[in-house]
Amino acid sequence: MKNKNHFLSITCSFLTLLYIGTNNTLAQSAYSDYGYADRYTFYEEKFDEPDESWETYLSGKSQSKIEYGALVYTSLNDKAHAKYTTVDGMDWNKDWELEVRLRRVYGKETSSSDIIWDRESGNNNNMHFGFTGNGKYNVSEYVDEYKRIVDFTYSDHVNKEDYNKLTVRKVRQLLLFLQQSIHR
């Protein structure tokens, strides 16, 4: 019997949570408005050694393993599955930046590879910013049900062949979503 499962494999090479300290009263206009000297790294995951909290296998659902400095995540069916970490001590009242570098290997074109944030233990509400393998991005919020803030939209900034850097930046009450194509 032929296996009809849909596979989604995501390669995530690093996951970084940065605080950005600034007294600037103007909102930024571009990714480079804050240089690395203006950033404080609060959490960084380089996937440089085996880690049971990231490497898992759920029979028929998903598997993840660390290989060559990357987290390789594979969905074993046609449902979405999340792999995430909790960052203790994060002050959500301050300005911050979340950044993840992802490469989508293959999968359903109607599903995105997302950076997910604002999820707390015991509370499934969260925000999503993601991209698909066919060059679209989307922004969603989950509060008891999914609400698309930005529907799947084509963008020349989505790199279909190599890594993409997804960045979510909070400046006061403003959320900024940035995507950069990255070539190794």
N, C-alpha and C. Protein backbone atom coordinates (compact mmCIF):
# COMPACT_ATOMS: atom_id res chain seq x y z
N MET A 1 0.84 -1.18 0.00
CA MET A 1 0.00 0.00 0.00
C MET A 1 0.89 1.25 0.00
N LYS A 2 0.56 2.17 -0.83
CA LYS A 2 1.35 3.38 -0.98
C LYS A 2 1.09 4.34 0.18
N ASN A 3 2.18 4.94 0.74
CA ASN A 3 2.06 5.90 1.82
C ASN A 3 1.59 7.23 1.26
N LYS A 4 0.45 7.75 1.76
CA LYS A 4 -0.11 8.99 1.25
C LYS A 4 0.14 10.16 2.19
N ASN A 5 1.04 10.00 3.16
CA ASN A 5 1.33 11.09 4.08
C ASN A 5 2.00 12.24 3.35
N HIS A 6 1.70 13.44 3.79
CA HIS A 6 2.36 14.64 3.27
C HIS A 6 3.51 14.96 4.21
N PHE A 7 4.66 15.23 3.68
CA PHE A 7 5.83 15.48 4.49
C PHE A 7 6.21 16.95 4.43
N LEU A 8 6.57 17.48 5.54
CA LEU A 8 7.10 18.83 5.62
C LEU A 8 8.40 18.75 6.38
N SER A 9 9.46 19.16 5.76
CA SER A 9 10.75 19.15 6.43
C SER A 9 11.26 20.57 6.49
N ILE A 10 11.65 21.00 7.65
CA ILE A 10 12.17 22.35 7.86
C ILE A 10 13.56 22.21 8.44
N THR A 11 14.49 22.95 7.90
CA THR A 11 15.82 23.01 8.48
C THR A 11 15.98 24.37 9.13
N CYS A 12 16.21 24.37 10.41
CA CYS A 12 16.34 25.61 11.17
C CYS A 12 17.76 25.66 11.72
N SER A 13 18.56 26.62 11.27
CA SER A 13 19.96 26.61 11.67
C SER A 13 20.23 27.38 12.95
N PHE A 14 19.47 28.39 13.28
CA PHE A 14 19.62 29.01 14.58
C PHE A 14 18.36 29.74 14.96
N LEU A 15 18.17 29.86 16.24
CA LEU A 15 17.00 30.52 16.80
C LEU A 15 17.53 31.52 17.81
N THR A 16 17.24 32.78 17.63
CA THR A 16 17.79 33.82 18.49
C THR A 16 16.68 34.72 18.99
N LEU A 17 16.75 35.07 20.24
CA LEU A 17 15.85 36.03 20.84
C LEU A 17 16.70 37.19 21.31
N LEU A 18 16.45 38.37 20.80
CA LEU A 18 17.28 39.52 21.11
C LEU A 18 16.45 40.61 21.77
N TYR A 19 17.01 41.25 22.77
CA TYR A 19 16.45 42.50 23.28
C TYR A 19 17.07 43.63 22.49
N ILE A 20 16.30 44.61 22.19
CA ILE A 20 16.83 45.81 21.56
C ILE A 20 16.56 46.96 22.51
N GLY A 21 17.59 47.55 23.02
CA GLY A 21 17.42 48.67 23.93
C GLY A 21 17.57 49.97 23.17
N THR A 22 16.55 50.80 23.20
CA THR A 22 16.64 52.07 22.50
C THR A 22 15.71 53.08 23.15
N ASN A 23 16.13 54.32 23.11
CA ASN A 23 15.28 55.42 23.57
C ASN A 23 14.77 56.23 22.39
N ASN A 24 15.00 55.77 21.20
CA ASN A 24 14.59 56.46 19.99
C ASN A 24 13.06 56.52 19.93
N THR A 25 12.51 57.70 19.71
CA THR A 25 11.06 57.85 19.68
C THR A 25 10.47 57.59 18.30
N LEU A 26 11.32 57.40 17.29
CA LEU A 26 10.82 57.12 15.95
C LEU A 26 10.83 55.62 15.68
N ALA A 27 9.84 55.17 14.95
CA ALA A 27 9.82 53.75 14.58
C ALA A 27 10.88 53.51 13.51
N GLN A 28 11.44 52.31 13.51
CA GLN A 28 12.46 52.00 12.52
C GLN A 28 11.82 51.86 11.15
N SER A 29 12.65 51.96 10.14
CA SER A 29 12.13 51.84 8.79
C SER A 29 12.73 50.65 8.06
N ALA A 30 13.83 50.10 8.55
CA ALA A 30 14.48 49.00 7.84
C ALA A 30 15.17 48.07 8.82
N TYR A 31 15.50 46.88 8.35
CA TYR A 31 16.14 45.88 9.19
C TYR A 31 17.44 46.40 9.79
N SER A 32 18.19 47.17 9.02
CA SER A 32 19.51 47.62 9.46
C SER A 32 19.46 48.83 10.41
N ASP A 33 18.28 49.30 10.79
CA ASP A 33 18.20 50.43 11.70
C ASP A 33 18.84 50.14 13.05
N TYR A 34 18.85 48.88 13.45
CA TYR A 34 19.53 48.48 14.69
C TYR A 34 20.69 47.58 14.32
N GLY A 35 21.89 48.04 14.58
CA GLY A 35 23.07 47.22 14.31
C GLY A 35 23.30 46.22 15.43
N TYR A 36 24.21 45.30 15.24
CA TYR A 36 24.49 44.29 16.26
C TYR A 36 25.01 44.91 17.55
N ALA A 37 25.66 46.07 17.47
CA ALA A 37 26.16 46.74 18.68
C ALA A 37 25.00 47.24 19.55
N ASP A 38 23.82 47.43 18.96
CA ASP A 38 22.64 47.90 19.69
C ASP A 38 21.80 46.76 20.26
N ARG A 39 22.24 45.54 20.09
CA ARG A 39 21.43 44.39 20.48
C ARG A 39 22.03 43.66 21.69
N TYR A 40 21.15 43.09 22.47
CA TYR A 40 21.54 42.25 23.59
C TYR A 40 20.91 40.88 23.37
N THR A 41 21.73 39.86 23.27
CA THR A 41 21.21 38.52 23.04
C THR A 41 20.74 37.93 24.36
N PHE A 42 19.45 37.63 24.43
CA PHE A 42 18.83 37.07 25.62
C PHE A 42 18.83 35.54 25.57
N TYR A 43 18.63 34.98 24.41
CA TYR A 43 18.61 33.53 24.21
C TYR A 43 19.12 33.25 22.80
N GLU A 44 19.96 32.24 22.68
CA GLU A 44 20.44 31.84 21.35
C GLU A 44 20.60 30.33 21.33
N GLU A 45 20.11 29.71 20.29
CA GLU A 45 20.22 28.27 20.10
C GLU A 45 20.97 28.02 18.81
N LYS A 46 22.16 27.43 18.91
CA LYS A 46 22.97 27.19 17.72
C LYS A 46 22.88 25.75 17.21
N PHE A 47 22.19 24.89 17.93
CA PHE A 47 22.03 23.49 17.53
C PHE A 47 23.39 22.85 17.24
N ASP A 48 24.32 23.04 18.17
CA ASP A 48 25.66 22.51 17.96
C ASP A 48 25.93 21.19 18.68
N GLU A 49 24.95 20.67 19.40
CA GLU A 49 25.11 19.36 20.04
C GLU A 49 23.73 18.73 20.26
N PRO A 50 23.67 17.41 20.42
CA PRO A 50 22.38 16.75 20.64
C PRO A 50 21.65 17.34 21.85
N ASP A 51 20.34 17.43 21.76
CA ASP A 51 19.54 18.03 22.82
C ASP A 51 18.17 17.36 22.83
N GLU A 52 17.85 16.64 23.91
CA GLU A 52 16.58 15.92 24.00
C GLU A 52 15.36 16.83 23.95
N SER A 53 15.51 18.09 24.33
CA SER A 53 14.35 18.99 24.29
C SER A 53 13.98 19.36 22.86
N TRP A 54 14.92 19.28 21.90
CA TRP A 54 14.63 19.57 20.50
C TRP A 54 14.46 18.30 19.68
N GLU A 55 15.21 17.26 19.99
CA GLU A 55 15.18 16.04 19.20
C GLU A 55 14.10 15.10 19.73
N THR A 56 13.08 14.85 18.90
CA THR A 56 11.96 14.00 19.32
C THR A 56 11.46 13.18 18.14
N TYR A 57 10.72 12.15 18.48
CA TYR A 57 10.01 11.37 17.47
C TYR A 57 8.63 11.06 18.04
N LEU A 58 7.59 11.51 17.35
CA LEU A 58 6.21 11.19 17.72
C LEU A 58 5.66 10.30 16.63
N SER A 59 5.44 9.04 16.92
CA SER A 59 5.04 8.04 15.94
C SER A 59 3.90 8.54 15.05
N GLY A 60 4.17 8.58 13.74
CA GLY A 60 3.18 8.99 12.76
C GLY A 60 2.88 10.47 12.73
N LYS A 61 3.53 11.27 13.61
CA LYS A 61 3.24 12.70 13.67
C LYS A 61 4.42 13.55 13.20
N SER A 62 5.56 13.45 13.89
CA SER A 62 6.70 14.30 13.53
C SER A 62 7.98 13.74 14.12
N GLN A 63 9.08 14.22 13.58
CA GLN A 63 10.38 13.90 14.14
C GLN A 63 11.29 15.12 13.97
N SER A 64 12.22 15.28 14.89
CA SER A 64 13.19 16.37 14.77
C SER A 64 14.53 15.86 15.29
N LYS A 65 15.59 16.28 14.62
CA LYS A 65 16.93 15.89 15.04
C LYS A 65 17.90 17.00 14.66
N ILE A 66 19.01 17.07 15.39
CA ILE A 66 20.03 18.06 15.12
C ILE A 66 21.10 17.42 14.26
N GLU A 67 21.38 18.06 13.12
CA GLU A 67 22.40 17.57 12.19
C GLU A 67 23.22 18.73 11.67
N TYR A 68 24.53 18.67 11.83
CA TYR A 68 25.45 19.66 11.26
C TYR A 68 25.05 21.10 11.61
N GLY A 69 24.71 21.35 12.87
CA GLY A 69 24.39 22.70 13.31
C GLY A 69 23.01 23.18 12.92
N ALA A 70 22.12 22.27 12.56
CA ALA A 70 20.76 22.65 12.17
C ALA A 70 19.76 21.70 12.81
N LEU A 71 18.59 22.21 13.14
CA LEU A 71 17.48 21.37 13.58
C LEU A 71 16.70 20.99 12.33
N VAL A 72 16.63 19.70 12.06
CA VAL A 72 15.89 19.20 10.90
C VAL A 72 14.57 18.65 11.44
N TYR A 73 13.47 19.29 11.04
CA TYR A 73 12.15 18.95 11.55
C TYR A 73 11.30 18.41 10.40
N THR A 74 10.65 17.27 10.64
CA THR A 74 9.84 16.64 9.61
C THR A 74 8.47 16.29 10.16
N SER A 75 7.42 16.77 9.48
CA SER A 75 6.06 16.37 9.79
C SER A 75 5.80 15.08 9.03
N LEU A 76 5.25 14.08 9.71
CA LEU A 76 5.02 12.77 9.09
C LEU A 76 3.57 12.58 8.64
N ASN A 77 2.77 13.62 8.71
CA ASN A 77 1.40 13.55 8.20
C ASN A 77 1.01 14.91 7.64
N ASP A 78 -0.25 15.13 7.36
CA ASP A 78 -0.66 16.38 6.72
C ASP A 78 -1.17 17.43 7.71
N LYS A 79 -0.83 17.28 8.97
CA LYS A 79 -1.24 18.25 9.99
C LYS A 79 -0.05 19.10 10.41
N ALA A 80 -0.34 20.28 10.91
CA ALA A 80 0.72 21.17 11.41
C ALA A 80 1.17 20.70 12.78
N HIS A 81 2.46 20.78 13.01
CA HIS A 81 3.04 20.44 14.31
C HIS A 81 4.03 21.52 14.68
N ALA A 82 4.07 21.88 15.96
CA ALA A 82 4.98 22.93 16.42
C ALA A 82 6.11 22.34 17.22
N LYS A 83 7.28 22.91 17.07
CA LYS A 83 8.43 22.59 17.89
C LYS A 83 8.90 23.92 18.45
N TYR A 84 8.92 24.07 19.76
CA TYR A 84 9.22 25.37 20.33
C TYR A 84 9.93 25.23 21.67
N THR A 85 10.47 26.34 22.14
CA THR A 85 11.11 26.38 23.44
C THR A 85 10.54 27.55 24.23
N THR A 86 10.53 27.42 25.52
CA THR A 86 10.08 28.48 26.40
C THR A 86 11.30 29.26 26.87
N VAL A 87 11.22 30.57 26.81
CA VAL A 87 12.31 31.42 27.27
C VAL A 87 11.84 32.10 28.55
N ASP A 88 12.39 31.67 29.68
CA ASP A 88 12.01 32.24 30.97
C ASP A 88 12.65 33.60 31.19
N GLY A 89 11.94 34.48 31.86
CA GLY A 89 12.49 35.78 32.23
C GLY A 89 12.38 36.85 31.16
N MET A 90 11.72 36.55 30.06
CA MET A 90 11.56 37.53 28.98
C MET A 90 10.57 38.60 29.43
N ASP A 91 10.93 39.88 29.30
CA ASP A 91 10.05 40.99 29.65
C ASP A 91 9.31 41.44 28.40
N TRP A 92 8.05 41.02 28.26
CA TRP A 92 7.27 41.31 27.06
C TRP A 92 6.79 42.76 27.03
N ASN A 93 7.04 43.52 28.11
CA ASN A 93 6.69 44.94 28.12
C ASN A 93 7.79 45.80 27.50
N LYS A 94 8.96 45.23 27.26
CA LYS A 94 10.07 45.96 26.65
C LYS A 94 10.09 45.71 25.14
N ASP A 95 10.91 46.48 24.44
CA ASP A 95 11.13 46.23 23.02
C ASP A 95 11.98 44.98 22.86
N TRP A 96 11.72 44.20 21.80
CA TRP A 96 12.47 42.98 21.59
C TRP A 96 12.46 42.60 20.11
N GLU A 97 13.26 41.60 19.82
CA GLU A 97 13.34 41.06 18.46
C GLU A 97 13.49 39.54 18.55
N LEU A 98 12.72 38.85 17.73
CA LEU A 98 12.85 37.40 17.57
C LEU A 98 13.37 37.15 16.17
N GLU A 99 14.27 36.20 16.05
CA GLU A 99 14.84 35.94 14.73
C GLU A 99 15.10 34.45 14.58
N VAL A 100 14.75 33.92 13.43
CA VAL A 100 15.01 32.52 13.15
C VAL A 100 15.42 32.40 11.68
N ARG A 101 16.36 31.53 11.43
CA ARG A 101 16.81 31.27 10.06
C ARG A 101 16.29 29.90 9.67
N LEU A 102 15.49 29.84 8.60
CA LEU A 102 14.82 28.61 8.18
C LEU A 102 15.07 28.33 6.72
N ARG A 103 15.09 27.04 6.40
CA ARG A 103 15.10 26.63 5.00
C ARG A 103 14.03 25.57 4.85
N ARG A 104 13.09 25.82 3.99
CA ARG A 104 12.03 24.84 3.73
C ARG A 104 12.52 23.90 2.65
N VAL A 105 12.53 22.62 2.95
CA VAL A 105 13.05 21.63 2.02
C VAL A 105 11.95 21.17 1.08
N TYR A 106 10.84 20.74 1.61
CA TYR A 106 9.69 20.34 0.80
C TYR A 106 8.46 20.25 1.70
N GLY A 107 7.29 20.21 1.09
CA GLY A 107 6.06 20.09 1.86
C GLY A 107 4.88 20.65 1.11
N LYS A 108 3.73 20.63 1.74
CA LYS A 108 2.50 21.13 1.13
C LYS A 108 2.61 22.64 0.92
N GLU A 109 2.16 23.11 -0.21
CA GLU A 109 2.24 24.53 -0.52
C GLU A 109 1.20 25.35 0.24
N THR A 110 0.25 24.71 0.88
CA THR A 110 -0.77 25.42 1.64
C THR A 110 -0.41 25.53 3.12
N SER A 111 0.80 25.13 3.47
CA SER A 111 1.26 25.18 4.85
C SER A 111 2.53 26.00 4.91
N SER A 112 2.72 26.75 5.99
CA SER A 112 3.89 27.61 6.09
C SER A 112 4.83 27.15 7.19
N SER A 113 6.09 27.56 7.07
CA SER A 113 7.08 27.39 8.12
C SER A 113 7.09 28.70 8.89
N ASP A 114 6.77 28.64 10.19
CA ASP A 114 6.51 29.86 10.95
C ASP A 114 7.47 30.03 12.12
N ILE A 115 7.67 31.28 12.49
CA ILE A 115 8.20 31.61 13.80
C ILE A 115 6.96 31.92 14.65
N ILE A 116 6.87 31.30 15.81
CA ILE A 116 5.69 31.43 16.69
C ILE A 116 6.15 32.08 17.99
N TRP A 117 5.40 33.05 18.47
CA TRP A 117 5.78 33.70 19.72
C TRP A 117 4.54 34.05 20.53
N ASP A 118 4.77 34.46 21.76
CA ASP A 118 3.73 34.86 22.71
C ASP A 118 2.87 33.69 23.14
N ARG A 119 3.48 32.50 23.20
CA ARG A 119 2.78 31.33 23.70
C ARG A 119 3.29 31.04 25.10
N GLU A 120 2.40 30.93 26.05
CA GLU A 120 2.78 30.69 27.43
C GLU A 120 2.31 29.31 27.85
N SER A 121 2.96 28.77 28.86
CA SER A 121 2.58 27.47 29.38
C SER A 121 1.11 27.49 29.82
N GLY A 122 0.33 26.54 29.33
CA GLY A 122 -1.08 26.47 29.66
C GLY A 122 -1.97 27.39 28.83
N ASN A 123 -1.37 28.15 27.93
CA ASN A 123 -2.12 29.09 27.09
C ASN A 123 -1.68 28.88 25.65
N ASN A 124 -2.56 28.40 24.80
CA ASN A 124 -2.20 28.10 23.41
C ASN A 124 -2.30 29.31 22.49
N ASN A 125 -2.74 30.47 23.00
CA ASN A 125 -2.81 31.66 22.16
C ASN A 125 -1.41 32.05 21.71
N ASN A 126 -1.26 32.46 20.46
CA ASN A 126 0.06 32.80 19.95
C ASN A 126 -0.03 33.56 18.65
N MET A 127 1.10 34.07 18.20
CA MET A 127 1.24 34.79 16.93
C MET A 127 2.15 33.99 16.01
N HIS A 128 1.92 34.08 14.69
CA HIS A 128 2.70 33.36 13.68
C HIS A 128 3.13 34.31 12.57
N PHE A 129 4.38 34.17 12.14
CA PHE A 129 4.87 34.84 10.93
C PHE A 129 5.62 33.78 10.16
N GLY A 130 5.20 33.50 8.91
CA GLY A 130 5.81 32.39 8.21
C GLY A 130 5.86 32.56 6.71
N PHE A 131 6.43 31.55 6.05
CA PHE A 131 6.54 31.55 4.59
C PHE A 131 6.31 30.14 4.07
N THR A 132 5.98 30.05 2.78
CA THR A 132 5.75 28.76 2.13
C THR A 132 6.86 28.49 1.13
N GLY A 133 6.92 27.26 0.65
CA GLY A 133 7.92 26.87 -0.33
C GLY A 133 7.69 27.47 -1.71
N ASN A 134 6.50 28.02 -1.97
CA ASN A 134 6.25 28.61 -3.29
C ASN A 134 6.36 30.13 -3.29
N GLY A 135 6.96 30.72 -2.24
CA GLY A 135 7.26 32.14 -2.26
C GLY A 135 6.24 33.05 -1.61
N LYS A 136 5.36 32.51 -0.76
CA LYS A 136 4.37 33.33 -0.08
C LYS A 136 4.74 33.48 1.40
N TYR A 137 4.25 34.56 2.02
CA TYR A 137 4.38 34.73 3.46
C TYR A 137 3.00 34.98 4.04
N ASN A 138 2.87 34.86 5.35
CA ASN A 138 1.59 35.12 6.02
C ASN A 138 1.84 35.50 7.47
N VAL A 139 0.86 36.17 8.06
CA VAL A 139 0.88 36.53 9.47
C VAL A 139 -0.47 36.10 10.05
N SER A 140 -0.44 35.37 11.16
CA SER A 140 -1.67 34.87 11.78
C SER A 140 -1.61 35.07 13.29
N GLU A 141 -2.78 35.06 13.88
CA GLU A 141 -2.90 35.09 15.33
C GLU A 141 -3.86 33.96 15.72
N TYR A 142 -3.51 33.25 16.79
CA TYR A 142 -4.39 32.20 17.30
C TYR A 142 -4.89 32.61 18.68
N VAL A 143 -6.18 32.88 18.76
CA VAL A 143 -6.86 33.12 20.03
C VAL A 143 -8.14 32.31 19.95
N ASP A 144 -8.11 31.11 20.45
CA ASP A 144 -9.21 30.15 20.40
C ASP A 144 -9.47 29.63 18.98
N GLU A 145 -9.06 30.37 17.95
CA GLU A 145 -9.11 29.93 16.56
C GLU A 145 -8.15 30.80 15.76
N TYR A 146 -7.75 30.33 14.58
CA TYR A 146 -6.81 31.08 13.75
C TYR A 146 -7.49 32.26 13.07
N LYS A 147 -6.81 33.39 13.07
CA LYS A 147 -7.25 34.58 12.36
C LYS A 147 -6.06 35.04 11.52
N ARG A 148 -6.25 35.11 10.22
CA ARG A 148 -5.20 35.59 9.32
C ARG A 148 -5.16 37.11 9.38
N ILE A 149 -4.01 37.66 9.74
CA ILE A 149 -3.80 39.10 9.72
C ILE A 149 -3.36 39.51 8.32
N VAL A 150 -2.44 38.73 7.74
CA VAL A 150 -2.03 38.88 6.34
C VAL A 150 -2.17 37.50 5.71
N ASP A 151 -3.04 37.37 4.71
CA ASP A 151 -3.24 36.09 4.05
C ASP A 151 -1.99 35.73 3.25
N PHE A 152 -1.91 34.50 2.75
CA PHE A 152 -0.77 34.06 1.95
C PHE A 152 -0.57 35.04 0.79
N THR A 153 0.59 35.70 0.77
CA THR A 153 0.89 36.74 -0.21
C THR A 153 2.26 36.49 -0.82
N TYR A 154 2.35 36.55 -2.16
CA TYR A 154 3.64 36.35 -2.82
C TYR A 154 4.60 37.49 -2.47
N SER A 155 5.88 37.15 -2.34
CA SER A 155 6.91 38.14 -2.07
C SER A 155 8.21 37.71 -2.75
N ASP A 156 8.87 38.66 -3.40
CA ASP A 156 10.17 38.39 -4.00
C ASP A 156 11.24 38.16 -2.93
N HIS A 157 10.95 38.50 -1.68
CA HIS A 157 11.92 38.34 -0.60
C HIS A 157 11.98 36.92 -0.05
N VAL A 158 11.02 36.08 -0.42
CA VAL A 158 11.04 34.69 0.04
C VAL A 158 11.97 33.89 -0.87
N ASN A 159 13.00 33.34 -0.28
CA ASN A 159 13.96 32.54 -1.02
C ASN A 159 13.45 31.10 -1.06
N LYS A 160 13.09 30.62 -2.23
CA LYS A 160 12.53 29.28 -2.37
C LYS A 160 13.59 28.19 -2.34
N GLU A 161 14.84 28.56 -2.57
CA GLU A 161 15.91 27.57 -2.73
C GLU A 161 16.84 27.45 -1.53
N ASP A 162 16.92 28.49 -0.69
CA ASP A 162 17.93 28.50 0.37
C ASP A 162 17.31 29.03 1.66
N TYR A 163 18.15 29.46 2.59
CA TYR A 163 17.67 29.92 3.89
C TYR A 163 16.97 31.27 3.80
N ASN A 164 15.99 31.46 4.70
CA ASN A 164 15.32 32.74 4.90
C ASN A 164 15.48 33.11 6.36
N LYS A 165 15.71 34.38 6.64
CA LYS A 165 15.77 34.85 8.01
C LYS A 165 14.46 35.58 8.30
N LEU A 166 13.69 35.05 9.25
CA LEU A 166 12.43 35.67 9.66
C LEU A 166 12.69 36.46 10.93
N THR A 167 12.24 37.70 10.98
CA THR A 167 12.45 38.56 12.14
C THR A 167 11.14 39.19 12.53
N VAL A 168 10.83 39.14 13.82
CA VAL A 168 9.70 39.86 14.39
C VAL A 168 10.30 40.85 15.37
N ARG A 169 9.99 42.12 15.19
CA ARG A 169 10.55 43.16 16.05
C ARG A 169 9.40 43.93 16.69
N LYS A 170 9.45 44.06 18.02
CA LYS A 170 8.45 44.86 18.76
C LYS A 170 9.14 46.15 19.19
N VAL A 171 8.58 47.27 18.75
CA VAL A 171 9.04 48.59 19.17
C VAL A 171 7.82 49.28 19.77
N ARG A 172 7.84 49.45 21.09
CA ARG A 172 6.69 49.93 21.85
C ARG A 172 5.48 49.03 21.55
N GLN A 173 4.42 49.53 20.95
CA GLN A 173 3.24 48.71 20.65
C GLN A 173 3.20 48.26 19.20
N LEU A 174 4.24 48.54 18.44
CA LEU A 174 4.29 48.23 17.02
C LEU A 174 5.04 46.92 16.78
N LEU A 175 4.46 46.02 16.00
CA LEU A 175 5.13 44.79 15.58
C LEU A 175 5.56 44.94 14.13
N LEU A 176 6.82 44.65 13.85
CA LEU A 176 7.36 44.74 12.50
C LEU A 176 7.81 43.35 12.07
N PHE A 177 7.45 42.98 10.85
CA PHE A 177 7.79 41.66 10.32
C PHE A 177 8.74 41.86 9.16
N LEU A 178 9.88 41.21 9.25
CA LEU A 178 10.90 41.36 8.23
C LEU A 178 11.33 39.99 7.72
N GLN A 179 11.63 39.92 6.47
CA GLN A 179 12.14 38.67 5.91
C GLN A 179 13.31 39.02 5.02
N GLN A 180 14.39 38.32 5.22
CA GLN A 180 15.57 38.49 4.39
C GLN A 180 15.91 37.16 3.76
N SER A 181 16.23 37.18 2.49
CA SER A 181 16.75 35.98 1.85
C SER A 181 18.23 35.88 2.18
N ILE A 182 18.68 34.69 2.45
CA ILE A 182 20.07 34.46 2.82
C ILE A 182 20.65 33.41 1.91
N HIS A 183 21.78 33.68 1.38
CA HIS A 183 22.51 32.68 0.59
C HIS A 183 23.74 32.30 1.37
N ARG A 184 24.00 31.03 1.49
CA ARG A 184 25.16 30.55 2.27
C ARG A 184 26.43 30.89 1.59
